Amino acid sequence: MNDDPATLGQALRHWRDRTSPKDLGLFVGSVRRAPGLRREELAQLAGLSVNYVVRLERGRATSPSPQVLASLARALYLSEPERDHL
């Protein structure tokens, strides 16, 4: 991935939106504005704070560690090419 934090944020949002909470065994309430994972759910699955996930998506966190990126990739069930991109 290039060094633009906004690009990382866009990719995270795309991957989060396409990941179904139901497929991950999470409770799906009756009202959801988005079909994918909520930021809170991603943060919990990745072992990160919600604030940090928000900062990553908004391009405010500029240098996530390899461990953070690996946690996000696992939580989002990224494919091998997607992990390489990340």
C-alpha atoms as a PDB file:
ATOM      1  CA  MET A   1       0.000   0.000   0.000  1.00  0.00           C
ATOM      2  CA  ASN A   2       1.292   3.472  -0.637  1.00  0.00           C
ATOM      3  CA  ASP A   3       2.135   5.785   2.243  1.00  0.00           C
ATOM      4  CA  ASP A   4      -1.059   7.853   1.978  1.00  0.00           C
ATOM      5  CA  PRO A   5      -3.078   7.391   5.206  1.00  0.00           C
ATOM      6  CA  ALA A   6      -6.290   8.248   3.342  1.00  0.00           C
ATOM      7  CA  THR A   7      -5.750   5.257   1.050  1.00  0.00           C
ATOM      8  CA  LEU A   8      -5.451   2.956   4.062  1.00  0.00           C
ATOM      9  CA  GLY A   9      -8.634   4.438   5.493  1.00  0.00           C
ATOM     10  CA  GLN A  10     -10.552   3.871   2.266  1.00  0.00           C
ATOM     11  CA  ALA A  11      -9.370   0.281   2.046  1.00  0.00           C
ATOM     12  CA  LEU A  12     -10.298  -0.420   5.681  1.00  0.00           C
ATOM     13  CA  ARG A  13     -13.749   1.038   5.160  1.00  0.00           C
ATOM     14  CA  HIS A  14     -14.271  -1.056   2.012  1.00  0.00           C
ATOM     15  CA  TRP A  15     -13.174  -4.265   3.755  1.00  0.00           C
ATOM     16  CA  ARG A  16     -15.244  -3.461   6.843  1.00  0.00           C
ATOM     17  CA  ASP A  17     -18.348  -2.752   4.741  1.00  0.00           C
ATOM     18  CA  ARG A  18     -18.135  -6.049   2.893  1.00  0.00           C
ATOM     19  CA  THR A  19     -17.569  -8.176   6.024  1.00  0.00           C
ATOM     20  CA  SER A  20     -20.823  -9.538   7.387  1.00  0.00           C
ATOM     21  CA  PRO A  21     -21.077  -9.634  11.180  1.00  0.00           C
ATOM     22  CA  LYS A  22     -23.375 -12.627  10.853  1.00  0.00           C
ATOM     23  CA  ASP A  23     -20.639 -14.569   9.026  1.00  0.00           C
ATOM     24  CA  LEU A  24     -18.315 -13.917  11.976  1.00  0.00           C
ATOM     25  CA  GLY A  25     -20.849 -15.160  14.514  1.00  0.00           C
ATOM     26  CA  LEU A  26     -21.631 -11.712  15.888  1.00  0.00           C
ATOM     27  CA  PHE A  27     -25.098 -10.742  17.065  1.00  0.00           C
ATOM     28  CA  VAL A  28     -26.934  -8.783  14.405  1.00  0.00           C
ATOM     29  CA  GLY A  29     -29.539  -6.449  15.877  1.00  0.00           C
ATOM     30  CA  SER A  30     -32.658  -5.342  14.080  1.00  0.00           C
ATOM     31  CA  VAL A  31     -31.405  -1.893  13.071  1.00  0.00           C
ATOM     32  CA  ARG A  32     -28.139  -1.519  11.153  1.00  0.00           C
ATOM     33  CA  ARG A  33     -27.438   1.426   8.908  1.00  0.00           C
ATOM     34  CA  ALA A  34     -24.585  -0.361   7.177  1.00  0.00           C
ATOM     35  CA  PRO A  35     -24.411  -3.980   6.036  1.00  0.00           C
ATOM     36  CA  GLY A  36     -20.860  -4.624   7.238  1.00  0.00           C
ATOM     37  CA  LEU A  37     -18.995  -4.510  10.495  1.00  0.00           C
ATOM     38  CA  ARG A  38     -19.349  -1.545  12.773  1.00  0.00           C
ATOM     39  CA  ARG A  39     -16.149   0.157  13.848  1.00  0.00           C
ATOM     40  CA  GLU A  40     -16.723  -1.111  17.366  1.00  0.00           C
ATOM     41  CA  GLU A  41     -16.984  -4.682  16.126  1.00  0.00           C
ATOM     42  CA  LEU A  42     -13.801  -4.405  14.059  1.00  0.00           C
ATOM     43  CA  ALA A  43     -11.952  -2.875  16.987  1.00  0.00           C
ATOM     44  CA  GLN A  44     -13.054  -5.696  19.286  1.00  0.00           C
ATOM     45  CA  LEU A  45     -12.114  -8.407  16.785  1.00  0.00           C
ATOM     46  CA  ALA A  46      -8.709  -6.818  16.111  1.00  0.00           C
ATOM     47  CA  GLY A  47      -7.957  -6.027  19.758  1.00  0.00           C
ATOM     48  CA  LEU A  48      -7.735  -2.285  19.096  1.00  0.00           C
ATOM     49  CA  SER A  49      -9.505   0.731  20.500  1.00  0.00           C
ATOM     50  CA  VAL A  50     -12.450   2.140  18.586  1.00  0.00           C
ATOM     51  CA  ASN A  51     -10.726   5.518  18.647  1.00  0.00           C
ATOM     52  CA  TYR A  52      -7.688   4.077  16.865  1.00  0.00           C
ATOM     53  CA  VAL A  53      -9.836   2.394  14.186  1.00  0.00           C
ATOM     54  CA  VAL A  54     -11.585   5.734  13.590  1.00  0.00           C
ATOM     55  CA  ARG A  55      -8.233   7.516  13.339  1.00  0.00           C
ATOM     56  CA  LEU A  56      -6.990   4.928  10.835  1.00  0.00           C
ATOM     57  CA  GLU A  57     -10.115   5.260   8.687  1.00  0.00           C
ATOM     58  CA  ARG A  58      -9.937   9.040   8.719  1.00  0.00           C
ATOM     59  CA  GLY A  59      -6.235   9.104   7.823  1.00  0.00           C
ATOM     60  CA  ARG A  60      -5.128  10.564  11.145  1.00  0.00           C
ATOM     61  CA  ALA A  61      -3.026   7.597  12.276  1.00  0.00           C
ATOM     62  CA  THR A  62      -0.059   7.744   9.958  1.00  0.00           C
ATOM     63  CA  SER A  63       2.166   4.804  10.914  1.00  0.00           C
ATOM     64  CA  PRO A  64       0.297   1.718  12.091  1.00  0.00           C
ATOM     65  CA  SER A  65       2.652  -1.015  13.232  1.00  0.00           C
ATOM     66  CA  PRO A  66       2.949  -4.347  11.416  1.00  0.00           C
ATOM     67  CA  GLN A  67       1.189  -5.940  14.401  1.00  0.00           C
ATOM     68  CA  VAL A  68      -1.796  -3.599  14.043  1.00  0.00           C
ATOM     69  CA  LEU A  69      -2.029  -4.290  10.317  1.00  0.00           C
ATOM     70  CA  ALA A  70      -1.824  -8.046  10.945  1.00  0.00           C
ATOM     71  CA  SER A  71      -4.597  -7.807  13.555  1.00  0.00           C
ATOM     72  CA  LEU A  72      -6.819  -5.913  11.137  1.00  0.00           C
ATOM     73  CA  ALA A  73      -6.111  -8.406   8.346  1.00  0.00           C
ATOM     74  CA  ARG A  74      -7.063 -11.325  10.623  1.00  0.00           C
ATOM     75  CA  ALA A  75     -10.208  -9.612  11.894  1.00  0.00           C
ATOM     76  CA  LEU A  76     -11.355  -8.793   8.355  1.00  0.00           C
ATOM     77  CA  TYR A  77     -10.436 -12.218   6.955  1.00  0.00           C
ATOM     78  CA  LEU A  78      -8.415 -10.639   4.174  1.00  0.00           C
ATOM     79  CA  SER A  79      -7.208 -12.796   1.318  1.00  0.00           C
ATOM     80  CA  GLU A  80      -3.497 -13.244   0.672  1.00  0.00           C
ATOM     81  CA  PRO A  81      -3.435 -10.575  -2.090  1.00  0.00           C
ATOM     82  CA  GLU A  82      -5.348  -8.176   0.173  1.00  0.00           C
ATOM     83  CA  ARG A  83      -2.882  -8.801   3.007  1.00  0.00           C
ATOM     84  CA  ASP A  84      -0.030  -8.074   0.616  1.00  0.00           C
ATOM     85  CA  HIS A  85      -1.787  -4.857  -0.424  1.00  0.00           C
ATOM     86  CA  LEU A  86      -2.264  -3.870   3.205  1.00  0.00           C
END
